[in-house]
Amino acid sequence: MGKTTVTTLLGMAMALAREDRVIAIDANPDRGTLAERVSKSTRFTVRDVVNRAAAIDGFTDFSTMVSRDVTRLHVLASDSDPMLSEAFDEGDYNVVADMAARYYTIILTDCGTGIVHSVMRPTLQRANGLVIVSGGSVDEARLASETLTWLEANGYGDLVRGSVVALNTATQGTNLVKLDEIEAHFKSRVRAVVKIPYDPALAAGSVIKFDQLHRNTREAARELAALVVEGLTKSN
């Protein structure tokens, strides 16, 4: 379970709990799969939003470009053509984010794994909160920790201190003794850690139906959502 699954869980939990609109944007430059985690209701992507930005006149126009889950989470897909997705850059992301900000109170961005990709800069500059996803093995935790170190070294120390780590406790190499040590390490660097349990409905990598997840999974998603919202309140 990676960042796309966690983005979906977080978005669904937020959308269920809130009266206002929540959108998740797939900004992965390597053909992201966020839109595949909900029932797809449109073929539009971030590229269509960029190309049609000048003609979008109100929420009704914009809403035709997103897929809507039963939880009320809206999802904007990335380009399906890898050649096009590579071209999705900083300027394009700003267009999409500006447009989304007109119609949504909460905007979640599912980023690619490359922290130096051009889309990461505007994402981090705009961010009011950050969720770092780590697997439960020592190697995966080390990579996540290195990401935190890079962010601190590049001027995002405040964002790191206020961030939440979503710790996937079901990855290969997870050891319960080491997991406690990993959790303690992250707690010394970020605001909170949420452990996401194994759930076969998530392991399949297909459409996520929130009401069919294990109770512990739903509770972890709600805990993560509450922590993220708490951080947004503090940052405003």
Protein backbone atom coordinates (compact mmCIF):
# COMPACT_ATOMS: atom_id res chain seq x y z
CA MET A 1 0.00 0.00 0.00
CA GLY A 2 1.53 3.27 -1.10
CA LYS A 3 0.86 6.96 -1.30
CA THR A 4 -1.97 6.68 -3.85
CA THR A 5 -3.93 4.30 -1.61
CA VAL A 6 -3.33 6.53 1.41
CA THR A 7 -4.41 9.61 -0.57
CA THR A 8 -7.64 7.82 -1.50
CA LEU A 9 -8.32 6.67 2.07
CA LEU A 10 -7.60 10.14 3.42
CA GLY A 11 -9.81 11.81 0.82
CA MET A 12 -12.71 9.42 1.40
CA ALA A 13 -12.55 9.84 5.18
CA MET A 14 -12.44 13.62 4.82
CA ALA A 15 -15.28 13.74 2.29
CA LEU A 16 -17.49 11.61 4.54
CA ALA A 17 -16.84 13.82 7.57
CA ARG A 18 -17.09 17.25 5.96
CA GLU A 19 -19.91 19.32 4.48
CA ASP A 20 -17.62 21.12 2.04
CA ARG A 21 -15.98 19.78 -1.12
CA VAL A 22 -12.85 17.62 -1.14
CA ILE A 23 -10.80 16.84 -4.26
CA ALA A 24 -7.76 14.63 -4.80
CA ILE A 25 -5.52 15.56 -7.74
CA ASP A 26 -3.18 13.04 -9.35
CA ALA A 27 0.04 14.97 -10.05
CA ASN A 28 2.19 11.89 -10.60
CA PRO A 29 4.39 12.48 -13.67
CA ASP A 30 4.68 8.73 -14.34
CA ARG A 31 1.06 7.94 -15.17
CA GLY A 32 -0.56 7.96 -11.76
CA THR A 33 -3.27 5.49 -10.78
CA LEU A 34 -5.30 7.60 -8.34
CA ALA A 35 -8.37 7.65 -10.61
CA GLU A 36 -8.35 3.85 -10.71
CA ARG A 37 -9.04 3.70 -6.98
CA VAL A 38 -12.55 5.15 -7.45
CA SER A 39 -15.31 4.35 -9.94
CA LYS A 40 -14.31 6.29 -13.04
CA SER A 41 -17.02 8.52 -14.49
CA THR A 42 -15.00 10.61 -16.96
CA ARG A 43 -12.05 10.35 -19.32
CA PHE A 44 -10.88 13.90 -18.58
CA THR A 45 -7.48 14.45 -16.95
CA VAL A 46 -5.33 17.25 -15.56
CA ARG A 47 -4.27 17.95 -19.15
CA ASP A 48 -7.87 18.75 -20.13
CA VAL A 49 -8.16 21.18 -17.22
CA VAL A 50 -4.99 22.96 -18.39
CA ASN A 51 -6.15 23.08 -22.00
CA ARG A 52 -9.68 24.24 -21.19
CA ALA A 53 -8.94 26.49 -18.20
CA ALA A 54 -10.03 29.68 -19.96
CA ALA A 55 -13.38 28.14 -20.91
CA ILE A 56 -14.23 26.68 -17.49
CA ASP A 57 -16.96 28.90 -16.09
CA GLY A 58 -18.08 27.66 -12.73
CA PHE A 59 -18.21 24.46 -10.72
CA THR A 60 -20.63 22.73 -13.08
CA ASP A 61 -18.07 22.94 -15.91
CA PHE A 62 -15.22 21.77 -13.68
CA SER A 63 -17.20 18.90 -12.18
CA THR A 64 -17.57 17.24 -15.60
CA MET A 65 -13.80 16.61 -15.48
CA VAL A 66 -13.69 14.72 -12.19
CA SER A 67 -14.82 11.29 -11.02
CA ARG A 68 -17.05 11.24 -7.94
CA ASP A 69 -16.97 8.52 -5.31
CA VAL A 70 -20.00 7.63 -3.17
CA THR A 71 -18.17 9.18 -0.22
CA ARG A 72 -18.40 12.53 -2.11
CA LEU A 73 -14.65 12.56 -2.81
CA HIS A 74 -13.85 14.06 -6.22
CA VAL A 75 -10.80 12.78 -8.13
CA LEU A 76 -8.96 14.43 -11.02
CA ALA A 77 -6.94 11.92 -13.03
CA SER A 78 -3.40 12.29 -14.36
CA ASP A 79 -2.55 11.87 -18.03
CA SER A 80 -2.82 8.28 -19.18
CA ASP A 81 -0.16 8.79 -21.84
CA PRO A 82 3.30 8.68 -20.17
CA MET A 83 4.72 11.00 -22.83
CA LEU A 84 2.10 13.60 -21.98
CA SER A 85 2.41 13.11 -18.23
CA GLU A 86 6.13 13.87 -18.41
CA ALA A 87 5.14 17.23 -19.86
CA PHE A 88 2.92 18.04 -16.86
CA ASP A 89 5.09 20.67 -15.23
CA GLU A 90 5.13 23.38 -12.57
CA GLY A 91 3.08 25.83 -14.63
CA ASP A 92 0.46 23.21 -15.44
CA TYR A 93 0.12 22.19 -11.80
CA ASN A 94 -0.39 25.81 -10.78
CA VAL A 95 -3.19 26.18 -13.34
CA VAL A 96 -4.93 23.05 -12.05
CA ALA A 97 -4.41 23.95 -8.37
CA ASP A 98 -5.68 27.51 -8.90
CA MET A 99 -8.77 26.17 -10.64
CA ALA A 100 -9.43 23.57 -7.94
CA ALA A 101 -9.01 26.19 -5.21
CA ARG A 102 -11.99 28.10 -6.64
CA TYR A 103 -14.37 25.21 -6.03
CA TYR A 104 -12.92 23.06 -3.25
CA THR A 105 -12.08 23.70 0.39
CA ILE A 106 -9.70 20.73 0.72
CA ILE A 107 -7.26 19.84 -2.07
CA LEU A 108 -5.15 16.69 -1.76
CA THR A 109 -2.26 16.19 -4.18
CA ASP A 110 -0.97 12.70 -4.89
CA CYS A 111 2.65 13.36 -5.89
CA GLY A 112 5.12 11.21 -7.78
CA THR A 113 8.00 9.48 -6.05
CA GLY A 114 10.59 11.88 -7.50
CA ILE A 115 10.94 14.68 -5.00
CA VAL A 116 13.00 16.80 -7.41
CA HIS A 117 10.40 16.65 -10.21
CA SER A 118 9.27 20.15 -11.20
CA VAL A 119 5.71 19.62 -9.93
CA MET A 120 7.00 19.04 -6.39
CA ARG A 121 8.10 22.64 -5.91
CA PRO A 122 4.69 24.28 -6.38
CA THR A 123 3.06 21.43 -4.47
CA LEU A 124 5.29 22.00 -1.45
CA GLN A 125 5.06 25.80 -1.71
CA ARG A 126 1.27 25.63 -1.67
CA ALA A 127 0.96 22.90 0.96
CA ASN A 128 -0.62 23.60 4.34
CA GLY A 129 0.09 20.05 5.46
CA LEU A 130 2.09 17.02 4.46
CA VAL A 131 1.52 13.26 4.75
CA ILE A 132 4.58 11.05 4.29
CA VAL A 133 3.85 7.40 3.49
CA SER A 134 6.30 4.76 4.70
CA GLY A 135 6.34 1.00 4.59
CA GLY A 136 6.96 -0.96 7.76
CA SER A 137 10.39 -2.33 6.84
CA VAL A 138 13.64 -0.70 7.90
CA ASP A 139 14.64 0.01 4.28
CA GLU A 140 11.32 1.67 3.46
CA ALA A 141 11.41 3.70 6.65
CA ARG A 142 14.96 4.83 5.84
CA LEU A 143 13.81 6.14 2.45
CA ALA A 144 10.93 8.04 4.06
CA SER A 145 13.30 9.44 6.68
CA GLU A 146 15.68 10.60 3.94
CA THR A 147 12.75 12.41 2.32
CA LEU A 148 12.14 14.27 5.58
CA THR A 149 15.85 15.17 5.75
CA TRP A 150 15.79 16.49 2.17
CA LEU A 151 12.73 18.60 2.94
CA GLU A 152 14.37 20.05 6.06
CA ALA A 153 17.56 20.85 4.12
CA ASN A 154 15.57 22.63 1.41
CA GLY A 155 13.58 25.03 3.52
CA TYR A 156 10.53 22.95 4.43
CA GLY A 157 11.38 22.30 8.08
CA ASP A 158 8.08 23.77 9.35
CA LEU A 159 6.15 21.53 6.97
CA VAL A 160 8.07 18.48 8.21
CA ARG A 161 7.49 19.29 11.89
CA GLY A 162 3.76 19.61 11.25
CA SER A 163 3.53 16.54 9.03
CA VAL A 164 1.95 13.14 9.66
CA VAL A 165 3.55 9.81 8.74
CA ALA A 166 1.19 7.09 7.49
CA LEU A 167 2.96 3.86 8.38
CA ASN A 168 1.91 0.86 6.30
CA THR A 169 2.26 -2.03 8.72
CA ALA A 170 1.68 -4.76 6.13
CA THR A 171 4.65 -4.39 3.79
CA GLN A 172 7.15 -7.13 3.15
CA GLY A 173 9.94 -7.06 5.70
CA THR A 174 7.80 -5.59 8.47
CA ASN A 175 8.96 -6.77 11.88
CA LEU A 176 6.83 -5.91 14.90
CA VAL A 177 9.84 -5.17 17.11
CA LYS A 178 11.41 -2.96 14.46
CA LEU A 179 8.00 -1.36 13.79
CA ASP A 180 7.96 0.09 17.31
CA GLU A 181 11.45 1.52 16.72
CA ILE A 182 10.42 2.94 13.34
CA GLU A 183 7.33 4.54 14.85
CA ALA A 184 9.40 6.07 17.65
CA HIS A 185 11.89 7.44 15.12
CA PHE A 186 9.21 9.17 13.09
CA LYS A 187 7.48 10.51 16.21
CA SER A 188 10.72 12.30 17.07
CA ARG A 189 10.62 14.13 13.72
CA VAL A 190 6.96 14.73 12.82
CA ARG A 191 3.72 15.70 14.54
CA ALA A 192 2.07 12.29 14.52
CA VAL A 193 2.22 8.74 13.15
CA VAL A 194 -0.80 6.70 12.04
CA LYS A 195 -0.44 2.95 11.50
CA ILE A 196 -2.44 1.63 8.54
CA PRO A 197 -3.30 -2.07 8.97
CA TYR A 198 -3.31 -4.75 6.30
CA ASP A 199 -6.59 -4.96 4.42
CA PRO A 200 -7.12 -7.38 1.51
CA ALA A 201 -9.48 -4.88 -0.11
CA LEU A 202 -6.56 -2.45 -0.41
CA ALA A 203 -3.96 -5.02 -1.41
CA ALA A 204 -5.86 -5.75 -4.63
CA GLY A 205 -5.02 -2.32 -6.03
CA SER A 206 -8.51 -1.90 -7.49
CA VAL A 207 -11.46 0.41 -6.76
CA ILE A 208 -11.70 1.15 -3.03
CA LYS A 209 -15.14 0.89 -1.43
CA PHE A 210 -14.76 2.62 1.92
CA ASP A 211 -17.76 0.94 3.57
CA GLN A 212 -16.37 -2.51 2.71
CA LEU A 213 -12.99 -1.97 4.36
CA HIS A 214 -12.16 -3.52 7.72
CA ARG A 215 -13.30 -1.45 10.68
CA ASN A 216 -9.68 -0.95 11.80
CA THR A 217 -8.78 0.38 8.33
CA ARG A 218 -11.67 2.85 8.36
CA GLU A 219 -10.71 3.98 11.87
CA ALA A 220 -7.09 4.53 10.80
CA ALA A 221 -8.27 6.58 7.81
CA ARG A 222 -10.50 8.70 10.05
CA GLU A 223 -7.64 9.20 12.52
CA LEU A 224 -5.37 10.32 9.68
CA ALA A 225 -8.05 12.69 8.37
CA ALA A 226 -8.61 14.19 11.83
CA LEU A 227 -4.88 14.77 12.30
CA VAL A 228 -4.53 16.40 8.87
CA VAL A 229 -7.50 18.72 9.49
CA GLU A 230 -6.10 19.58 12.94
CA GLY A 231 -2.83 20.58 11.25
CA LEU A 232 -4.65 22.70 8.67
CA THR A 233 -6.48 24.54 11.45
CA LYS A 234 -3.20 25.30 13.20
CA SER A 235 -1.49 26.49 10.01
CA ASN A 236 -4.25 28.99 9.15
